[in-house]
Amino acid sequence: MTDTTPTPTEIVFSPTQDLILEVLIARYRLGENCWTFNSNLTKQMLALEDLGYVTWKSGIIYKTVLVWLTDKGKKEFLSNTYEAPILKNYKKKKNK
């Protein structure tokens, strides 16, 4: 039986879902394992959770949720070859 699970490039995320993933990816690169979002984004969190990319729970502060990437989310969206744009620019200037 073949796996018919769509890859991230085949999934069309809503702008809000895309923003949530981008925030989580950026925060993870900066050393944050999770991030707090407003609880009015619960519908988007549930959709991302159904896809297996995030897990979440109620936040400590009223009307917030705490969200983090799952292992699948990290595998799909994080790259070992990622380099921050500021480092790329620095290396370009240094090599000139």
PDB file of N, CA and C in Angstrom:
ATOM      1  N   MET A   1       0.845  -1.176   0.000  1.00  0.00           N
ATOM      2  CA  MET A   1       0.000   0.000   0.000  1.00  0.00           C
ATOM      3  C   MET A   1       0.892   1.241   0.000  1.00  0.00           C
ATOM      4  N   THR A   2       0.607   2.190  -0.856  1.00  0.00           N
ATOM      5  CA  THR A   2       1.422   3.394  -0.944  1.00  0.00           C
ATOM      6  C   THR A   2       0.887   4.479  -0.017  1.00  0.00           C
ATOM      7  N   ASP A   3       1.798   5.336   0.438  1.00  0.00           N
ATOM      8  CA  ASP A   3       1.421   6.436   1.321  1.00  0.00           C
ATOM      9  C   ASP A   3       0.852   7.568   0.475  1.00  0.00           C
ATOM     10  N   THR A   4      -0.378   7.981   0.774  1.00  0.00           N
ATOM     11  CA  THR A   4      -1.019   9.052   0.020  1.00  0.00           C
ATOM     12  C   THR A   4      -1.049  10.362   0.799  1.00  0.00           C
ATOM     13  N   THR A   5      -0.277  10.443   1.879  1.00  0.00           N
ATOM     14  CA  THR A   5      -0.226  11.666   2.662  1.00  0.00           C
ATOM     15  C   THR A   5       0.411  12.766   1.829  1.00  0.00           C
ATOM     16  N   PRO A   6      -0.257  13.920   1.718  1.00  0.00           N
ATOM     17  CA  PRO A   6       0.326  15.000   0.915  1.00  0.00           C
ATOM     18  C   PRO A   6       1.562  15.589   1.574  1.00  0.00           C
ATOM     19  N   THR A   7       2.509  16.018   0.754  1.00  0.00           N
ATOM     20  CA  THR A   7       3.703  16.676   1.275  1.00  0.00           C
ATOM     21  C   THR A   7       3.382  18.150   1.486  1.00  0.00           C
ATOM     22  N   PRO A   8       4.213  18.879   2.267  1.00  0.00           N
ATOM     23  CA  PRO A   8       3.933  20.290   2.498  1.00  0.00           C
ATOM     24  C   PRO A   8       3.837  21.119   1.222  1.00  0.00           C
ATOM     25  N   THR A   9       4.544  20.727   0.176  1.00  0.00           N
ATOM     26  CA  THR A   9       4.468  21.482  -1.077  1.00  0.00           C
ATOM     27  C   THR A   9       3.151  21.234  -1.800  1.00  0.00           C
ATOM     28  N   GLU A  10       2.458  20.159  -1.459  1.00  0.00           N
ATOM     29  CA  GLU A  10       1.170  19.853  -2.082  1.00  0.00           C
ATOM     30  C   GLU A  10      -0.007  20.434  -1.295  1.00  0.00           C
ATOM     31  N   ILE A  11       0.238  20.812  -0.053  1.00  0.00           N
ATOM     32  CA  ILE A  11      -0.814  21.344   0.800  1.00  0.00           C
ATOM     33  C   ILE A  11      -0.903  22.852   0.602  1.00  0.00           C
ATOM     34  N   VAL A  12      -2.112  23.339   0.483  1.00  0.00           N
ATOM     35  CA  VAL A  12      -2.313  24.780   0.396  1.00  0.00           C
ATOM     36  C   VAL A  12      -2.738  25.258   1.788  1.00  0.00           C
ATOM     37  N   PHE A  13      -1.807  25.915   2.468  1.00  0.00           N
ATOM     38  CA  PHE A  13      -2.093  26.447   3.791  1.00  0.00           C
ATOM     39  C   PHE A  13      -2.804  27.784   3.662  1.00  0.00           C
ATOM     40  N   SER A  14      -3.655  28.076   4.618  1.00  0.00           N
ATOM     41  CA  SER A  14      -4.243  29.419   4.659  1.00  0.00           C
ATOM     42  C   SER A  14      -3.134  30.392   5.041  1.00  0.00           C
ATOM     43  N   PRO A  15      -3.303  31.677   4.752  1.00  0.00           N
ATOM     44  CA  PRO A  15      -2.274  32.646   5.142  1.00  0.00           C
ATOM     45  C   PRO A  15      -1.978  32.608   6.646  1.00  0.00           C
ATOM     46  N   THR A  16      -3.013  32.393   7.445  1.00  0.00           N
ATOM     47  CA  THR A  16      -2.818  32.336   8.902  1.00  0.00           C
ATOM     48  C   THR A  16      -2.035  31.095   9.299  1.00  0.00           C
ATOM     49  N   GLN A  17      -2.354  29.957   8.708  1.00  0.00           N
ATOM     50  CA  GLN A  17      -1.605  28.731   9.003  1.00  0.00           C
ATOM     51  C   GLN A  17      -0.152  28.879   8.582  1.00  0.00           C
ATOM     52  N   ASP A  18       0.075  29.475   7.431  1.00  0.00           N
ATOM     53  CA  ASP A  18       1.438  29.696   6.953  1.00  0.00           C
ATOM     54  C   ASP A  18       2.198  30.599   7.922  1.00  0.00           C
ATOM     55  N   LEU A  19       1.554  31.650   8.390  1.00  0.00           N
ATOM     56  CA  LEU A  19       2.194  32.561   9.337  1.00  0.00           C
ATOM     57  C   LEU A  19       2.516  31.858  10.651  1.00  0.00           C
ATOM     58  N   ILE A  20       1.606  31.034  11.137  1.00  0.00           N
ATOM     59  CA  ILE A  20       1.852  30.278  12.375  1.00  0.00           C
ATOM     60  C   ILE A  20       3.080  29.394  12.207  1.00  0.00           C
ATOM     61  N   LEU A  21       3.148  28.673  11.094  1.00  0.00           N
ATOM     62  CA  LEU A  21       4.305  27.804  10.846  1.00  0.00           C
ATOM     63  C   LEU A  21       5.590  28.609  10.727  1.00  0.00           C
ATOM     64  N   GLU A  22       5.543  29.736  10.028  1.00  0.00           N
ATOM     65  CA  GLU A  22       6.742  30.573   9.878  1.00  0.00           C
ATOM     66  C   GLU A  22       7.226  31.091  11.230  1.00  0.00           C
ATOM     67  N   VAL A  23       6.301  31.498  12.086  1.00  0.00           N
ATOM     68  CA  VAL A  23       6.678  31.970  13.427  1.00  0.00           C
ATOM     69  C   VAL A  23       7.311  30.837  14.219  1.00  0.00           C
ATOM     70  N   LEU A  24       6.697  29.672  14.197  1.00  0.00           N
ATOM     71  CA  LEU A  24       7.238  28.537  14.953  1.00  0.00           C
ATOM     72  C   LEU A  24       8.608  28.112  14.441  1.00  0.00           C
ATOM     73  N   ILE A  25       8.790  28.116  13.132  1.00  0.00           N
ATOM     74  CA  ILE A  25      10.076  27.748  12.538  1.00  0.00           C
ATOM     75  C   ILE A  25      11.148  28.762  12.934  1.00  0.00           C
ATOM     76  N   ALA A  26      10.827  30.040  12.808  1.00  0.00           N
ATOM     77  CA  ALA A  26      11.796  31.080  13.168  1.00  0.00           C
ATOM     78  C   ALA A  26      12.130  31.017  14.648  1.00  0.00           C
ATOM     79  N   ARG A  27      11.145  30.847  15.490  1.00  0.00           N
ATOM     80  CA  ARG A  27      11.377  30.768  16.935  1.00  0.00           C
ATOM     81  C   ARG A  27      12.204  29.535  17.293  1.00  0.00           C
ATOM     82  N   TYR A  28      11.932  28.429  16.609  1.00  0.00           N
ATOM     83  CA  TYR A  28      12.709  27.209  16.875  1.00  0.00           C
ATOM     84  C   TYR A  28      14.183  27.435  16.543  1.00  0.00           C
ATOM     85  N   ARG A  29      14.439  28.112  15.432  1.00  0.00           N
ATOM     86  CA  ARG A  29      15.829  28.406  15.045  1.00  0.00           C
ATOM     87  C   ARG A  29      16.518  29.304  16.064  1.00  0.00           C
ATOM     88  N   LEU A  30      15.738  30.126  16.760  1.00  0.00           N
ATOM     89  CA  LEU A  30      16.294  31.011  17.781  1.00  0.00           C
ATOM     90  C   LEU A  30      16.371  30.354  19.156  1.00  0.00           C
ATOM     91  N   GLY A  31      15.965  29.091  19.238  1.00  0.00           N
ATOM     92  CA  GLY A  31      16.084  28.353  20.488  1.00  0.00           C
ATOM     93  C   GLY A  31      14.809  28.239  21.299  1.00  0.00           C
ATOM     94  N   GLU A  32      13.709  28.754  20.784  1.00  0.00           N
ATOM     95  CA  GLU A  32      12.418  28.644  21.483  1.00  0.00           C
ATOM     96  C   GLU A  32      11.709  27.380  21.007  1.00  0.00           C
ATOM     97  N   ASN A  33      11.314  26.530  21.932  1.00  0.00           N
ATOM     98  CA  ASN A  33      10.641  25.293  21.557  1.00  0.00           C
ATOM     99  C   ASN A  33       9.157  25.477  21.289  1.00  0.00           C
ATOM    100  N   CYS A  34       8.561  26.544  21.830  1.00  0.00           N
ATOM    101  CA  CYS A  34       7.140  26.791  21.643  1.00  0.00           C
ATOM    102  C   CYS A  34       6.889  28.294  21.611  1.00  0.00           C
ATOM    103  N   TRP A  35       5.668  28.645  21.233  1.00  0.00           N
ATOM    104  CA  TRP A  35       5.319  30.055  21.163  1.00  0.00           C
ATOM    105  C   TRP A  35       3.846  30.219  21.493  1.00  0.00           C
ATOM    106  N   THR A  36       3.491  31.373  22.019  1.00  0.00           N
ATOM    107  CA  THR A  36       2.125  31.653  22.436  1.00  0.00           C
ATOM    108  C   THR A  36       1.381  32.420  21.337  1.00  0.00           C
ATOM    109  N   PHE A  37       0.159  31.979  21.074  1.00  0.00           N
ATOM    110  CA  PHE A  37      -0.717  32.642  20.117  1.00  0.00           C
ATOM    111  C   PHE A  37      -2.070  32.913  20.779  1.00  0.00           C
ATOM    112  N   ASN A  38      -2.834  33.820  20.212  1.00  0.00           N
ATOM    113  CA  ASN A  38      -4.164  34.116  20.699  1.00  0.00           C
ATOM    114  C   ASN A  38      -5.067  32.904  20.472  1.00  0.00           C
ATOM    115  N   SER A  39      -5.958  32.650  21.409  1.00  0.00           N
ATOM    116  CA  SER A  39      -6.818  31.462  21.301  1.00  0.00           C
ATOM    117  C   SER A  39      -7.857  31.572  20.191  1.00  0.00           C
ATOM    118  N   ASN A  40      -8.035  32.754  19.592  1.00  0.00           N
ATOM    119  CA  ASN A  40      -8.972  32.828  18.472  1.00  0.00           C
ATOM    120  C   ASN A  40      -8.413  32.140  17.227  1.00  0.00           C
ATOM    121  N   LEU A  41      -7.187  31.628  17.304  1.00  0.00           N
ATOM    122  CA  LEU A  41      -6.580  30.877  16.202  1.00  0.00           C
ATOM    123  C   LEU A  41      -6.736  29.363  16.380  1.00  0.00           C
ATOM    124  N   THR A  42      -7.604  28.958  17.289  1.00  0.00           N
ATOM    125  CA  THR A  42      -7.783  27.533  17.592  1.00  0.00           C
ATOM    126  C   THR A  42      -8.139  26.717  16.355  1.00  0.00           C
ATOM    127  N   LYS A  43      -8.985  27.252  15.490  1.00  0.00           N
ATOM    128  CA  LYS A  43      -9.382  26.520  14.276  1.00  0.00           C
ATOM    129  C   LYS A  43      -8.156  26.206  13.414  1.00  0.00           C
ATOM    130  N   GLN A  44      -7.267  27.181  13.255  1.00  0.00           N
ATOM    131  CA  GLN A  44      -6.054  26.978  12.456  1.00  0.00           C
ATOM    132  C   GLN A  44      -5.108  25.983  13.147  1.00  0.00           C
ATOM    133  N   MET A  45      -5.022  26.060  14.474  1.00  0.00           N
ATOM    134  CA  MET A  45      -4.163  25.121  15.224  1.00  0.00           C
ATOM    135  C   MET A  45      -4.665  23.689  15.055  1.00  0.00           C
ATOM    136  N   LEU A  46      -5.988  23.516  15.120  1.00  0.00           N
ATOM    137  CA  LEU A  46      -6.564  22.181  14.946  1.00  0.00           C
ATOM    138  C   LEU A  46      -6.263  21.623  13.560  1.00  0.00           C
ATOM    139  N   ALA A  47      -6.347  22.479  12.539  1.00  0.00           N
ATOM    140  CA  ALA A  47      -6.056  22.029  11.173  1.00  0.00           C
ATOM    141  C   ALA A  47      -4.593  21.613  11.044  1.00  0.00           C
ATOM    142  N   LEU A  48      -3.685  22.398  11.613  1.00  0.00           N
ATOM    143  CA  LEU A  48      -2.254  22.052  11.558  1.00  0.00           C
ATOM    144  C   LEU A  48      -1.961  20.812  12.400  1.00  0.00           C
ATOM    145  N   GLU A  49      -2.683  20.663  13.496  1.00  0.00           N
ATOM    146  CA  GLU A  49      -2.514  19.472  14.330  1.00  0.00           C
ATOM    147  C   GLU A  49      -3.007  18.226  13.590  1.00  0.00           C
ATOM    148  N   ASP A  50      -4.129  18.351  12.880  1.00  0.00           N
ATOM    149  CA  ASP A  50      -4.656  17.226  12.092  1.00  0.00           C
ATOM    150  C   ASP A  50      -3.656  16.771  11.026  1.00  0.00           C
ATOM    151  N   LEU A  51      -2.882  17.724  10.505  1.00  0.00           N
ATOM    152  CA  LEU A  51      -1.853  17.386   9.515  1.00  0.00           C
ATOM    153  C   LEU A  51      -0.594  16.817  10.173  1.00  0.00           C
ATOM    154  N   GLY A  52      -0.516  16.938  11.494  1.00  0.00           N
ATOM    155  CA  GLY A  52       0.619  16.372  12.229  1.00  0.00           C
ATOM    156  C   GLY A  52       1.807  17.302  12.377  1.00  0.00           C
ATOM    157  N   TYR A  53       1.645  18.597  12.076  1.00  0.00           N
ATOM    158  CA  TYR A  53       2.772  19.528  12.112  1.00  0.00           C
ATOM    159  C   TYR A  53       2.965  20.234  13.443  1.00  0.00           C
ATOM    160  N   VAL A  54       1.891  20.397  14.210  1.00  0.00           N
ATOM    161  CA  VAL A  54       2.003  21.083  15.497  1.00  0.00           C
ATOM    162  C   VAL A  54       1.220  20.334  16.569  1.00  0.00           C
ATOM    163  N   THR A  55       1.566  20.653  17.791  1.00  0.00           N
ATOM    164  CA  THR A  55       0.793  20.250  18.955  1.00  0.00           C
ATOM    165  C   THR A  55       0.581  21.516  19.760  1.00  0.00           C
ATOM    166  N   TRP A  56      -0.494  21.573  20.524  1.00  0.00           N
ATOM    167  CA  TRP A  56      -0.766  22.779  21.288  1.00  0.00           C
ATOM    168  C   TRP A  56      -1.565  22.452  22.536  1.00  0.00           C
ATOM    169  N   LYS A  57      -1.579  23.413  23.440  1.00  0.00           N
ATOM    170  CA  LYS A  57      -2.376  23.304  24.658  1.00  0.00           C
ATOM    171  C   LYS A  57      -2.751  24.719  25.094  1.00  0.00           C
ATOM    172  N   SER A  58      -3.616  24.811  26.085  1.00  0.00           N
ATOM    173  CA  SER A  58      -4.006  26.125  26.604  1.00  0.00           C
ATOM    174  C   SER A  58      -2.797  26.839  27.163  1.00  0.00           C
ATOM    175  N   GLY A  59      -2.741  28.129  26.925  1.00  0.00           N
ATOM    176  CA  GLY A  59      -1.652  28.929  27.443  1.00  0.00           C
ATOM    177  C   GLY A  59      -1.872  29.303  28.899  1.00  0.00           C
ATOM    178  N   ILE A  60      -0.846  29.849  29.514  1.00  0.00           N
ATOM    179  CA  ILE A  60      -0.930  30.275  30.904  1.00  0.00           C
ATOM    180  C   ILE A  60      -1.762  31.551  31.019  1.00  0.00           C
ATOM    181  N   ILE A  61      -1.645  32.416  30.038  1.00  0.00           N
ATOM    182  CA  ILE A  61      -2.362  33.678  30.032  1.00  0.00           C
ATOM    183  C   ILE A  61      -3.738  33.465  29.414  1.00  0.00           C
ATOM    184  N   TYR A  62      -4.725  34.135  29.948  1.00  0.00           N
ATOM    185  CA  TYR A  62      -6.109  34.049  29.489  1.00  0.00           C
ATOM    186  C   TYR A  62      -6.196  34.269  27.982  1.00  0.00           C
ATOM    187  N   LYS A  63      -6.958  33.416  27.303  1.00  0.00           N
ATOM    188  CA  LYS A  63      -7.208  33.476  25.859  1.00  0.00           C
ATOM    189  C   LYS A  63      -5.944  33.314  25.011  1.00  0.00           C
ATOM    190  N   THR A  64      -5.040  32.434  25.452  1.00  0.00           N
ATOM    191  CA  THR A  64      -3.861  32.114  24.643  1.00  0.00           C
ATOM    192  C   THR A  64      -3.712  30.609  24.534  1.00  0.00           C
ATOM    193  N   VAL A  65      -2.962  30.194  23.521  1.00  0.00           N
ATOM    194  CA  VAL A  65      -2.590  28.787  23.361  1.00  0.00           C
ATOM    195  C   VAL A  65      -1.076  28.716  23.179  1.00  0.00           C
ATOM    196  N   LEU A  66      -0.496  27.655  23.661  1.00  0.00           N
ATOM    197  CA  LEU A  66       0.934  27.410  23.538  1.00  0.00           C
ATOM    198  C   LEU A  66       1.117  26.360  22.449  1.00  0.00           C
ATOM    199  N   VAL A  67       1.909  26.668  21.434  1.00  0.00           N
ATOM    200  CA  VAL A  67       2.022  25.812  20.246  1.00  0.00           C
ATOM    201  C   VAL A  67       3.480  25.461  20.004  1.00  0.00           C
ATOM    202  N   TRP A  68       3.751  24.233  19.547  1.00  0.00           N
ATOM    203  CA  TRP A  68       5.106  23.825  19.197  1.00  0.00           C
ATOM    204  C   TRP A  68       5.068  22.870  18.015  1.00  0.00           C
ATOM    205  N   LEU A  69       6.178  22.801  17.303  1.00  0.00           N
ATOM    206  CA  LEU A  69       6.306  21.893  16.160  1.00  0.00           C
ATOM    207  C   LEU A  69       6.458  20.462  16.645  1.00  0.00           C
ATOM    208  N   THR A  70       5.823  19.535  15.949  1.00  0.00           N
ATOM    209  CA  THR A  70       6.023  18.118  16.228  1.00  0.00           C
ATOM    210  C   THR A  70       7.303  17.663  15.531  1.00  0.00           C
ATOM    211  N   ASP A  71       7.709  16.436  15.764  1.00  0.00           N
ATOM    212  CA  ASP A  71       8.875  15.897  15.054  1.00  0.00           C
ATOM    213  C   ASP A  71       8.641  15.923  13.547  1.00  0.00           C
ATOM    214  N   LYS A  72       7.415  15.618  13.131  1.00  0.00           N
ATOM    215  CA  LYS A  72       7.088  15.666  11.702  1.00  0.00           C
ATOM    216  C   LYS A  72       7.218  17.100  11.181  1.00  0.00           C
ATOM    217  N   GLY A  73       6.728  18.069  11.933  1.00  0.00           N
ATOM    218  CA  GLY A  73       6.831  19.462  11.533  1.00  0.00           C
ATOM    219  C   GLY A  73       8.275  19.916  11.412  1.00  0.00           C
ATOM    220  N   LYS A  74       9.107  19.506  12.363  1.00  0.00           N
ATOM    221  CA  LYS A  74      10.533  19.860  12.312  1.00  0.00           C
ATOM    222  C   LYS A  74      11.197  19.224  11.091  1.00  0.00           C
ATOM    223  N   LYS A  75      10.861  17.960  10.841  1.00  0.00           N
ATOM    224  CA  LYS A  75      11.463  17.254   9.709  1.00  0.00           C
ATOM    225  C   LYS A  75      11.061  17.891   8.376  1.00  0.00           C
ATOM    226  N   GLU A  76       9.800  18.287   8.262  1.00  0.00           N
ATOM    227  CA  GLU A  76       9.293  18.831   7.004  1.00  0.00           C
ATOM    228  C   GLU A  76       9.755  20.260   6.731  1.00  0.00           C
ATOM    229  N   PHE A  77       9.878  21.069   7.790  1.00  0.00           N
ATOM    230  CA  PHE A  77      10.072  22.501   7.574  1.00  0.00           C
ATOM    231  C   PHE A  77      11.442  23.051   7.960  1.00  0.00           C
ATOM    232  N   LEU A  78      12.238  22.284   8.678  1.00  0.00           N
ATOM    233  CA  LEU A  78      13.560  22.773   9.063  1.00  0.00           C
ATOM    234  C   LEU A  78      14.614  22.142   8.176  1.00  0.00           C
ATOM    235  N   SER A  79      15.595  22.914   7.800  1.00  0.00           N
ATOM    236  CA  SER A  79      16.650  22.444   6.915  1.00  0.00           C
ATOM    237  C   SER A  79      17.989  22.517   7.629  1.00  0.00           C
ATOM    238  N   ASN A  80      18.820  21.520   7.426  1.00  0.00           N
ATOM    239  CA  ASN A  80      20.172  21.538   7.999  1.00  0.00           C
ATOM    240  C   ASN A  80      21.057  22.551   7.294  1.00  0.00           C
ATOM    241  N   THR A  81      20.652  22.973   6.120  1.00  0.00           N
ATOM    242  CA  THR A  81      21.470  23.908   5.346  1.00  0.00           C
ATOM    243  C   THR A  81      20.987  25.352   5.473  1.00  0.00           C
ATOM    244  N   TYR A  82      20.018  25.588   6.332  1.00  0.00           N
ATOM    245  CA  TYR A  82      19.501  26.949   6.490  1.00  0.00           C
ATOM    246  C   TYR A  82      20.592  27.885   7.003  1.00  0.00           C
ATOM    247  N   GLU A  83      20.602  29.066   6.426  1.00  0.00           N
ATOM    248  CA  GLU A  83      21.537  30.095   6.863  1.00  0.00           C
ATOM    249  C   GLU A  83      20.770  31.413   6.927  1.00  0.00           C
ATOM    250  N   ALA A  84      20.870  32.090   8.044  1.00  0.00           N
ATOM    251  CA  ALA A  84      20.161  33.357   8.217  1.00  0.00           C
ATOM    252  C   ALA A  84      20.586  34.350   7.144  1.00  0.00           C
ATOM    253  N   PRO A  85      19.644  35.143   6.653  1.00  0.00           N
ATOM    254  CA  PRO A  85      19.979  36.121   5.601  1.00  0.00           C
ATOM    255  C   PRO A  85      21.113  37.064   5.997  1.00  0.00           C
ATOM    256  N   ILE A  86      21.167  37.462   7.245  1.00  0.00           N
ATOM    257  CA  ILE A  86      22.238  38.376   7.672  1.00  0.00           C
ATOM    258  C   ILE A  86      23.616  37.719   7.539  1.00  0.00           C
ATOM    259  N   LEU A  87      23.692  36.409   7.786  1.00  0.00           N
ATOM    260  CA  LEU A  87      24.963  35.700   7.618  1.00  0.00           C
ATOM    261  C   LEU A  87      25.337  35.575   6.152  1.00  0.00           C
ATOM    262  N   LYS A  88      24.346  35.342   5.307  1.00  0.00           N
ATOM    263  CA  LYS A  88      24.611  35.272   3.866  1.00  0.00           C
ATOM    264  C   LYS A  88      25.164  36.600   3.365  1.00  0.00           C
ATOM    265  N   ASN A  89      24.538  37.698   3.784  1.00  0.00           N
ATOM    266  CA  ASN A  89      25.012  39.023   3.368  1.00  0.00           C
ATOM    267  C   ASN A  89      26.417  39.297   3.882  1.00  0.00           C
ATOM    268  N   TYR A  90      26.691  38.910   5.113  1.00  0.00           N
ATOM    269  CA  TYR A  90      28.017  39.116   5.699  1.00  0.00           C
ATOM    270  C   TYR A  90      29.083  38.361   4.906  1.00  0.00           C
ATOM    271  N   LYS A  91      28.782  37.105   4.555  1.00  0.00           N
ATOM    272  CA  LYS A  91      29.743  36.296   3.798  1.00  0.00           C
ATOM    273  C   LYS A  91      29.975  36.873   2.403  1.00  0.00           C
ATOM    274  N   LYS A  92      28.898  37.388   1.769  1.00  0.00           N
ATOM    275  CA  LYS A  92      29.040  38.012   0.450  1.00  0.00           C
ATOM    276  C   LYS A  92      29.980  39.216   0.527  1.00  0.00           C
ATOM    277  N   LYS A  93      29.759  40.063   1.523  1.00  0.00           N
ATOM    278  CA  LYS A  93      30.574  41.269   1.683  1.00  0.00           C
ATOM    279  C   LYS A  93      32.024  40.920   2.012  1.00  0.00           C
ATOM    280  N   LYS A  94      32.205  39.888   2.810  1.00  0.00           N
ATOM    281  CA  LYS A  94      33.533  39.463   3.222  1.00  0.00           C
ATOM    282  C   LYS A  94      34.320  38.912   2.037  1.00  0.00           C
ATOM    283  N   ASN A  95      33.632  38.208   1.131  1.00  0.00           N
ATOM    284  CA  ASN A  95      34.292  37.577  -0.025  1.00  0.00           C
ATOM    285  C   ASN A  95      34.544  38.552  -1.186  1.00  0.00           C
ATOM    286  N   LYS A  96      34.024  39.752  -1.102  1.00  0.00           N
ATOM    287  CA  LYS A  96      34.223  40.728  -2.196  1.00  0.00           C
ATOM    288  C   LYS A  96      35.606  41.328  -2.167  1.00  0.00           C
TER     289      LYS A  96
END
